[in-house]
N, C-alpha and C. Protein backbone atom coordinates (compact mmCIF):
# COMPACT_ATOMS: atom_id res chain seq x y z
N UNK A 1 13.00 19.86 13.51
CA UNK A 1 13.29 18.81 12.66
C UNK A 1 14.13 19.37 11.49
N UNK A 2 14.01 20.70 11.08
CA UNK A 2 14.66 21.19 9.86
C UNK A 2 15.85 22.01 10.39
N UNK A 3 16.48 21.52 11.31
CA UNK A 3 17.87 22.20 11.72
C UNK A 3 18.87 21.64 10.78
N UNK A 4 19.07 22.65 9.70
CA UNK A 4 20.01 22.24 8.63
C UNK A 4 21.39 21.73 9.15
N UNK A 5 22.11 22.27 9.92
CA UNK A 5 23.34 21.91 10.36
C UNK A 5 23.31 20.46 10.95
N UNK A 6 22.31 20.25 11.73
CA UNK A 6 22.09 18.93 12.38
C UNK A 6 21.81 17.93 11.33
N UNK A 7 20.87 18.21 10.34
CA UNK A 7 20.54 17.27 9.20
C UNK A 7 21.84 17.00 8.42
N UNK A 8 22.66 18.00 8.19
CA UNK A 8 23.79 17.83 7.37
C UNK A 8 24.77 16.79 8.06
N UNK A 9 24.88 16.91 9.41
CA UNK A 9 25.76 16.00 10.06
C UNK A 9 25.08 14.49 10.32
N UNK A 10 23.76 14.45 10.26
CA UNK A 10 23.12 13.29 10.64
C UNK A 10 23.48 12.04 9.80
N UNK A 11 23.87 12.42 8.60
CA UNK A 11 24.03 11.23 7.70
C UNK A 11 22.77 10.85 6.87
N UNK A 12 23.01 10.31 5.70
CA UNK A 12 21.87 9.94 4.82
C UNK A 12 20.79 8.91 5.54
N UNK A 13 21.18 7.99 6.33
CA UNK A 13 20.28 7.05 6.86
C UNK A 13 19.39 7.66 7.83
N UNK A 14 19.81 8.42 8.75
CA UNK A 14 19.12 9.19 9.74
C UNK A 14 18.15 10.23 9.06
N UNK A 15 18.77 10.92 8.00
CA UNK A 15 18.00 11.89 7.32
C UNK A 15 16.79 11.24 6.60
N UNK A 16 16.99 9.97 5.99
CA UNK A 16 15.94 9.33 5.40
C UNK A 16 14.88 8.89 6.41
N UNK A 17 15.24 8.44 7.56
CA UNK A 17 14.44 8.05 8.65
C UNK A 17 13.48 9.21 8.96
N UNK A 18 14.03 10.34 9.13
CA UNK A 18 13.22 11.60 9.50
C UNK A 18 12.25 11.94 8.46
N UNK A 19 12.61 11.94 7.27
CA UNK A 19 11.76 12.13 6.09
C UNK A 19 10.62 11.08 5.98
N UNK A 20 11.00 9.79 6.20
CA UNK A 20 10.03 8.74 6.20
C UNK A 20 8.94 8.89 7.31
N UNK A 21 9.47 9.40 8.35
CA UNK A 21 8.54 9.66 9.47
C UNK A 21 7.63 10.89 9.22
N UNK A 22 8.23 11.86 8.52
CA UNK A 22 7.38 12.99 8.17
C UNK A 22 6.31 12.71 7.05
N UNK A 23 6.77 11.89 6.09
CA UNK A 23 5.89 11.55 4.98
C UNK A 23 4.80 10.63 5.32
N UNK A 24 5.33 9.63 6.30
CA UNK A 24 4.38 8.71 6.82
C UNK A 24 3.25 9.11 7.67
N UNK A 25 3.36 10.41 8.26
CA UNK A 25 2.41 10.97 9.14
C UNK A 25 1.49 11.76 8.49
N UNK A 26 1.36 11.67 7.12
CA UNK A 26 0.27 12.40 6.51
C UNK A 26 0.65 13.82 6.29
N UNK A 27 1.99 14.10 6.12
CA UNK A 27 2.38 15.52 6.09
C UNK A 27 1.63 16.20 4.91
N UNK A 28 1.47 17.50 5.09
CA UNK A 28 0.82 18.41 4.14
C UNK A 28 1.81 18.64 3.05
N UNK A 29 1.79 18.08 1.82
CA UNK A 29 2.71 18.16 0.74
C UNK A 29 3.09 19.59 0.40
N UNK A 30 2.07 20.44 0.34
CA UNK A 30 2.41 21.83 -0.05
C UNK A 30 3.31 22.47 0.90
N UNK A 31 2.84 22.27 2.27
CA UNK A 31 3.72 22.86 3.37
C UNK A 31 5.13 22.22 3.27
N UNK A 32 5.23 20.98 3.02
CA UNK A 32 6.58 20.23 2.97
C UNK A 32 7.32 20.84 1.88
N UNK A 33 6.76 21.18 0.71
CA UNK A 33 7.50 21.91 -0.48
C UNK A 33 8.06 23.30 -0.07
N UNK A 34 7.00 23.94 0.59
CA UNK A 34 7.21 25.32 0.98
C UNK A 34 8.48 25.33 1.98
N UNK A 35 8.40 24.36 2.92
CA UNK A 35 9.60 24.28 3.75
C UNK A 35 10.94 23.91 3.19
N UNK A 36 10.83 23.04 2.23
CA UNK A 36 11.96 22.63 1.39
C UNK A 36 12.59 23.92 0.68
N UNK A 37 11.70 24.77 0.18
CA UNK A 37 12.26 25.96 -0.53
C UNK A 37 12.95 26.93 0.40
N UNK A 38 12.80 26.83 1.75
CA UNK A 38 13.47 27.63 2.75
C UNK A 38 14.77 27.09 3.04
N UNK A 39 14.98 25.77 2.73
CA UNK A 39 16.26 25.15 3.07
C UNK A 39 17.49 25.74 2.29
N UNK A 40 18.48 26.25 2.89
CA UNK A 40 19.57 26.97 2.31
C UNK A 40 20.46 25.96 1.72
N UNK A 41 20.78 24.88 2.34
CA UNK A 41 21.77 23.92 1.87
C UNK A 41 21.27 23.12 0.64
N UNK A 42 21.83 23.29 -0.55
CA UNK A 42 21.28 22.67 -1.76
C UNK A 42 21.53 21.09 -1.56
N UNK A 43 22.47 20.64 -0.94
CA UNK A 43 22.54 19.16 -0.84
C UNK A 43 21.31 18.58 0.04
N UNK A 44 20.95 19.07 1.10
CA UNK A 44 19.83 18.74 1.83
C UNK A 44 18.56 18.97 1.12
N UNK A 45 18.40 20.00 0.32
CA UNK A 45 17.18 20.29 -0.44
C UNK A 45 17.05 19.19 -1.56
N UNK A 46 18.01 18.98 -2.08
CA UNK A 46 18.09 17.92 -3.23
C UNK A 46 17.84 16.53 -2.71
N UNK A 47 18.52 16.18 -1.73
CA UNK A 47 18.26 14.94 -1.11
C UNK A 47 16.89 14.67 -0.57
N UNK A 48 16.22 15.73 0.06
CA UNK A 48 14.98 15.74 0.54
C UNK A 48 14.02 15.55 -0.65
N UNK A 49 14.08 16.28 -1.69
CA UNK A 49 13.22 16.20 -2.79
C UNK A 49 13.28 14.73 -3.40
N UNK A 50 14.50 14.30 -3.62
CA UNK A 50 14.74 13.00 -4.16
C UNK A 50 14.04 11.94 -3.29
N UNK A 51 14.27 11.90 -1.93
CA UNK A 51 13.62 11.03 -1.20
C UNK A 51 12.06 11.20 -1.02
N UNK A 52 11.63 12.37 -1.02
CA UNK A 52 10.14 12.66 -1.02
C UNK A 52 9.59 11.95 -2.32
N UNK A 53 10.14 12.21 -3.36
CA UNK A 53 9.62 11.70 -4.65
C UNK A 53 9.69 10.17 -4.66
N UNK A 54 10.61 9.56 -4.05
CA UNK A 54 10.83 8.13 -3.96
C UNK A 54 9.66 7.59 -3.09
N UNK A 55 9.42 8.34 -1.86
CA UNK A 55 8.31 7.90 -1.01
C UNK A 55 7.00 7.98 -1.60
N UNK A 56 6.79 8.98 -2.50
CA UNK A 56 5.50 9.19 -3.12
C UNK A 56 5.34 8.09 -4.04
N UNK A 57 6.41 7.62 -4.79
CA UNK A 57 6.35 6.67 -5.89
C UNK A 57 6.03 5.37 -5.12
N UNK A 58 6.67 5.05 -4.05
CA UNK A 58 6.39 3.80 -3.28
C UNK A 58 4.97 3.84 -2.74
N UNK A 59 4.44 4.88 -2.41
CA UNK A 59 2.99 4.97 -1.86
C UNK A 59 2.04 4.72 -3.04
N UNK A 60 2.41 5.10 -4.16
CA UNK A 60 1.64 4.95 -5.45
C UNK A 60 1.65 3.48 -5.79
N UNK A 61 2.86 2.93 -5.76
CA UNK A 61 2.88 1.47 -5.99
C UNK A 61 2.13 0.56 -4.95
N UNK A 62 2.16 0.93 -3.73
CA UNK A 62 1.38 0.22 -2.68
C UNK A 62 -0.10 0.38 -2.87
N UNK A 63 -0.49 1.61 -3.29
CA UNK A 63 -1.76 1.87 -3.44
C UNK A 63 -2.40 1.09 -4.64
N UNK A 64 -1.59 1.02 -5.66
CA UNK A 64 -1.93 0.25 -6.96
C UNK A 64 -2.12 -1.18 -6.54
N UNK A 65 -1.13 -1.72 -5.94
CA UNK A 65 -1.18 -3.15 -5.51
C UNK A 65 -2.51 -3.42 -4.69
N UNK A 66 -2.62 -2.62 -3.79
CA UNK A 66 -3.77 -2.73 -2.96
C UNK A 66 -5.09 -2.72 -3.70
N UNK A 67 -5.18 -1.82 -4.66
CA UNK A 67 -6.47 -1.82 -5.47
C UNK A 67 -6.58 -2.98 -6.40
N UNK A 68 -5.48 -3.52 -6.91
CA UNK A 68 -5.53 -4.75 -7.72
C UNK A 68 -6.08 -5.76 -6.92
N UNK A 69 -5.44 -5.96 -5.65
CA UNK A 69 -5.95 -7.07 -4.68
C UNK A 69 -7.39 -6.93 -4.41
N UNK A 70 -7.88 -5.71 -4.17
CA UNK A 70 -9.29 -5.40 -3.74
C UNK A 70 -10.15 -5.88 -5.04
N UNK A 71 -9.71 -5.53 -6.16
CA UNK A 71 -10.39 -5.96 -7.34
C UNK A 71 -10.67 -7.44 -7.49
N UNK A 72 -9.49 -8.11 -7.25
CA UNK A 72 -9.56 -9.66 -7.27
C UNK A 72 -10.46 -10.06 -6.25
N UNK A 73 -10.31 -9.57 -5.02
CA UNK A 73 -11.26 -10.11 -3.92
C UNK A 73 -12.84 -9.89 -4.33
N UNK A 74 -13.11 -8.71 -4.89
CA UNK A 74 -14.48 -8.47 -5.34
C UNK A 74 -14.77 -9.56 -6.37
N UNK A 75 -13.95 -9.82 -7.30
CA UNK A 75 -14.24 -10.74 -8.33
C UNK A 75 -14.59 -12.17 -7.70
N UNK A 76 -13.75 -12.57 -6.72
CA UNK A 76 -13.99 -13.87 -6.12
C UNK A 76 -15.26 -13.82 -5.50
N UNK A 77 -15.63 -12.84 -4.76
CA UNK A 77 -16.90 -12.79 -4.01
C UNK A 77 -18.04 -12.75 -5.08
N UNK A 78 -17.91 -11.99 -6.08
CA UNK A 78 -19.09 -11.94 -7.07
C UNK A 78 -19.26 -13.39 -7.69
N UNK A 79 -18.29 -14.02 -8.02
CA UNK A 79 -18.38 -15.42 -8.56
C UNK A 79 -19.07 -16.33 -7.60
N UNK A 80 -18.66 -16.23 -6.33
CA UNK A 80 -19.29 -17.04 -5.22
C UNK A 80 -20.76 -16.74 -5.20
N UNK A 81 -21.16 -15.45 -5.14
CA UNK A 81 -22.53 -14.98 -5.06
C UNK A 81 -23.36 -15.57 -6.21
N UNK A 82 -22.80 -15.40 -7.49
CA UNK A 82 -23.46 -15.83 -8.58
C UNK A 82 -23.66 -17.46 -8.43
N UNK A 83 -22.72 -18.14 -8.11
CA UNK A 83 -22.82 -19.55 -8.19
C UNK A 83 -23.49 -20.12 -7.01
N UNK A 84 -23.51 -19.55 -5.85
CA UNK A 84 -23.89 -20.16 -4.57
C UNK A 84 -24.78 -19.29 -3.62
N UNK A 85 -25.23 -18.23 -4.15
CA UNK A 85 -26.09 -17.21 -3.34
C UNK A 85 -25.27 -16.53 -2.29
N UNK A 86 -25.99 -16.37 -1.19
CA UNK A 86 -25.33 -15.54 -0.20
C UNK A 86 -24.02 -16.28 0.42
N UNK A 87 -23.08 -15.39 0.61
CA UNK A 87 -21.78 -15.97 1.09
C UNK A 87 -21.77 -15.63 2.61
N UNK A 88 -21.44 -16.57 3.39
CA UNK A 88 -21.38 -16.36 4.80
C UNK A 88 -20.37 -15.36 5.21
N UNK A 89 -20.75 -14.49 6.29
CA UNK A 89 -19.80 -13.55 6.68
C UNK A 89 -18.50 -14.00 7.08
N UNK A 90 -18.33 -15.15 7.75
CA UNK A 90 -17.06 -15.66 8.16
C UNK A 90 -16.13 -15.84 6.92
N UNK A 91 -16.81 -16.45 5.83
CA UNK A 91 -16.00 -16.69 4.68
C UNK A 91 -15.54 -15.37 3.96
N UNK A 92 -16.47 -14.47 4.05
CA UNK A 92 -16.20 -13.01 3.44
C UNK A 92 -14.97 -12.48 4.24
N UNK A 93 -14.97 -12.55 5.56
CA UNK A 93 -13.91 -12.10 6.38
C UNK A 93 -12.54 -12.87 6.07
N UNK A 94 -12.66 -14.09 5.95
CA UNK A 94 -11.52 -14.85 5.63
C UNK A 94 -10.95 -14.43 4.25
N UNK A 95 -11.74 -14.16 3.39
CA UNK A 95 -11.35 -13.67 2.04
C UNK A 95 -10.55 -12.43 2.03
N UNK A 96 -11.12 -11.37 3.00
CA UNK A 96 -10.55 -10.09 2.95
C UNK A 96 -9.10 -10.17 3.62
N UNK A 97 -8.77 -11.15 4.24
CA UNK A 97 -7.41 -11.40 4.90
C UNK A 97 -6.48 -11.92 3.82
N UNK A 98 -6.86 -12.41 2.79
CA UNK A 98 -6.04 -13.03 1.73
C UNK A 98 -5.27 -11.85 0.95
N UNK A 99 -3.96 -12.03 0.93
CA UNK A 99 -3.29 -10.98 0.16
C UNK A 99 -2.45 -11.53 -0.99
N UNK A 100 -1.91 -10.97 -1.95
CA UNK A 100 -1.18 -11.43 -3.12
C UNK A 100 -2.11 -11.65 -4.36
N UNK A 101 -1.85 -10.95 -5.41
CA UNK A 101 -2.61 -11.06 -6.61
C UNK A 101 -2.61 -12.46 -7.08
N UNK A 102 -1.43 -13.07 -6.94
CA UNK A 102 -1.47 -14.63 -7.71
C UNK A 102 -2.33 -15.51 -6.79
N UNK A 103 -2.28 -15.35 -5.43
CA UNK A 103 -3.14 -16.10 -4.56
C UNK A 103 -4.50 -15.81 -4.80
N UNK A 104 -4.95 -14.54 -5.04
CA UNK A 104 -6.24 -14.21 -5.30
C UNK A 104 -6.83 -14.71 -6.57
N UNK A 105 -5.81 -14.80 -7.58
CA UNK A 105 -6.25 -15.41 -8.95
C UNK A 105 -6.54 -16.87 -8.78
N UNK A 106 -5.74 -17.56 -8.00
CA UNK A 106 -5.99 -18.95 -7.66
C UNK A 106 -7.28 -19.16 -7.09
N UNK A 107 -7.72 -18.23 -6.13
CA UNK A 107 -9.06 -18.39 -5.48
C UNK A 107 -10.16 -18.06 -6.48
N UNK A 108 -9.96 -17.31 -7.41
CA UNK A 108 -10.90 -16.96 -8.37
C UNK A 108 -11.15 -18.32 -9.25
N UNK A 109 -10.01 -18.84 -9.51
CA UNK A 109 -10.27 -20.21 -10.33
C UNK A 109 -10.98 -21.26 -9.37
N UNK A 110 -10.65 -21.29 -8.21
CA UNK A 110 -11.35 -22.18 -7.21
C UNK A 110 -12.82 -21.73 -7.19
N UNK A 111 -13.11 -20.60 -7.08
CA UNK A 111 -14.58 -20.11 -6.93
C UNK A 111 -15.21 -20.54 -8.30
N UNK A 112 -14.62 -20.55 -9.43
CA UNK A 112 -15.13 -20.94 -10.70
C UNK A 112 -15.45 -22.49 -10.77
N UNK A 113 -14.44 -23.18 -10.28
CA UNK A 113 -14.44 -24.67 -10.34
C UNK A 113 -14.96 -25.36 -9.22
N UNK A 114 -15.17 -24.84 -8.06
CA UNK A 114 -15.74 -25.57 -6.95
C UNK A 114 -17.05 -26.07 -7.03
N UNK A 115 -17.32 -27.26 -6.61
CA UNK A 115 -18.66 -27.71 -6.75
C UNK A 115 -19.61 -27.22 -5.62
N UNK A 116 -19.01 -27.01 -4.51
CA UNK A 116 -19.89 -26.35 -3.42
C UNK A 116 -19.12 -25.23 -2.81
N UNK A 117 -19.88 -24.40 -2.00
CA UNK A 117 -19.25 -23.39 -1.18
C UNK A 117 -18.08 -23.91 -0.30
N UNK A 118 -18.46 -25.06 0.35
CA UNK A 118 -17.62 -25.67 1.24
C UNK A 118 -16.34 -26.08 0.51
N UNK A 119 -16.45 -26.63 -0.67
CA UNK A 119 -15.25 -27.06 -1.48
C UNK A 119 -14.28 -25.81 -1.62
N UNK A 120 -14.99 -24.61 -2.06
CA UNK A 120 -14.25 -23.46 -2.09
C UNK A 120 -13.53 -23.06 -0.82
N UNK A 121 -14.26 -23.15 0.30
CA UNK A 121 -13.75 -22.68 1.57
C UNK A 121 -12.61 -23.56 2.01
N UNK A 122 -12.56 -24.87 1.53
CA UNK A 122 -11.38 -25.63 1.87
C UNK A 122 -10.12 -25.16 1.03
N UNK A 123 -10.40 -24.43 -0.05
CA UNK A 123 -9.17 -23.97 -0.70
C UNK A 123 -8.58 -22.83 -0.20
N UNK A 124 -9.17 -22.06 0.86
CA UNK A 124 -8.58 -21.04 1.57
C UNK A 124 -7.52 -21.53 2.41
């Protein structure tokens, strides 16, 4: 993968795909940086570092979004449990499939305002 002359000829798009493949595979970051330090061609090294930093930032953003959504789901579930007692497993499973912070906020409002658990379920 680290054939520098080949990477230099491959073009930015293919080079980015190779790095995305490496970073997506749970690559050891320390080993990745050590390998980059062995790259002689400064253009390849700089491009790889820039792309790696971009991928890491994208991963952080995705993780943050996922955490926010998980928190909203937990809030909805807690409100349902407080108001209606046990929440059926099927309803829990359906709630776990909902994505998007705005949609989950709507469901929180529905959980607060629904008169029955069935009313809430119909809002899903």
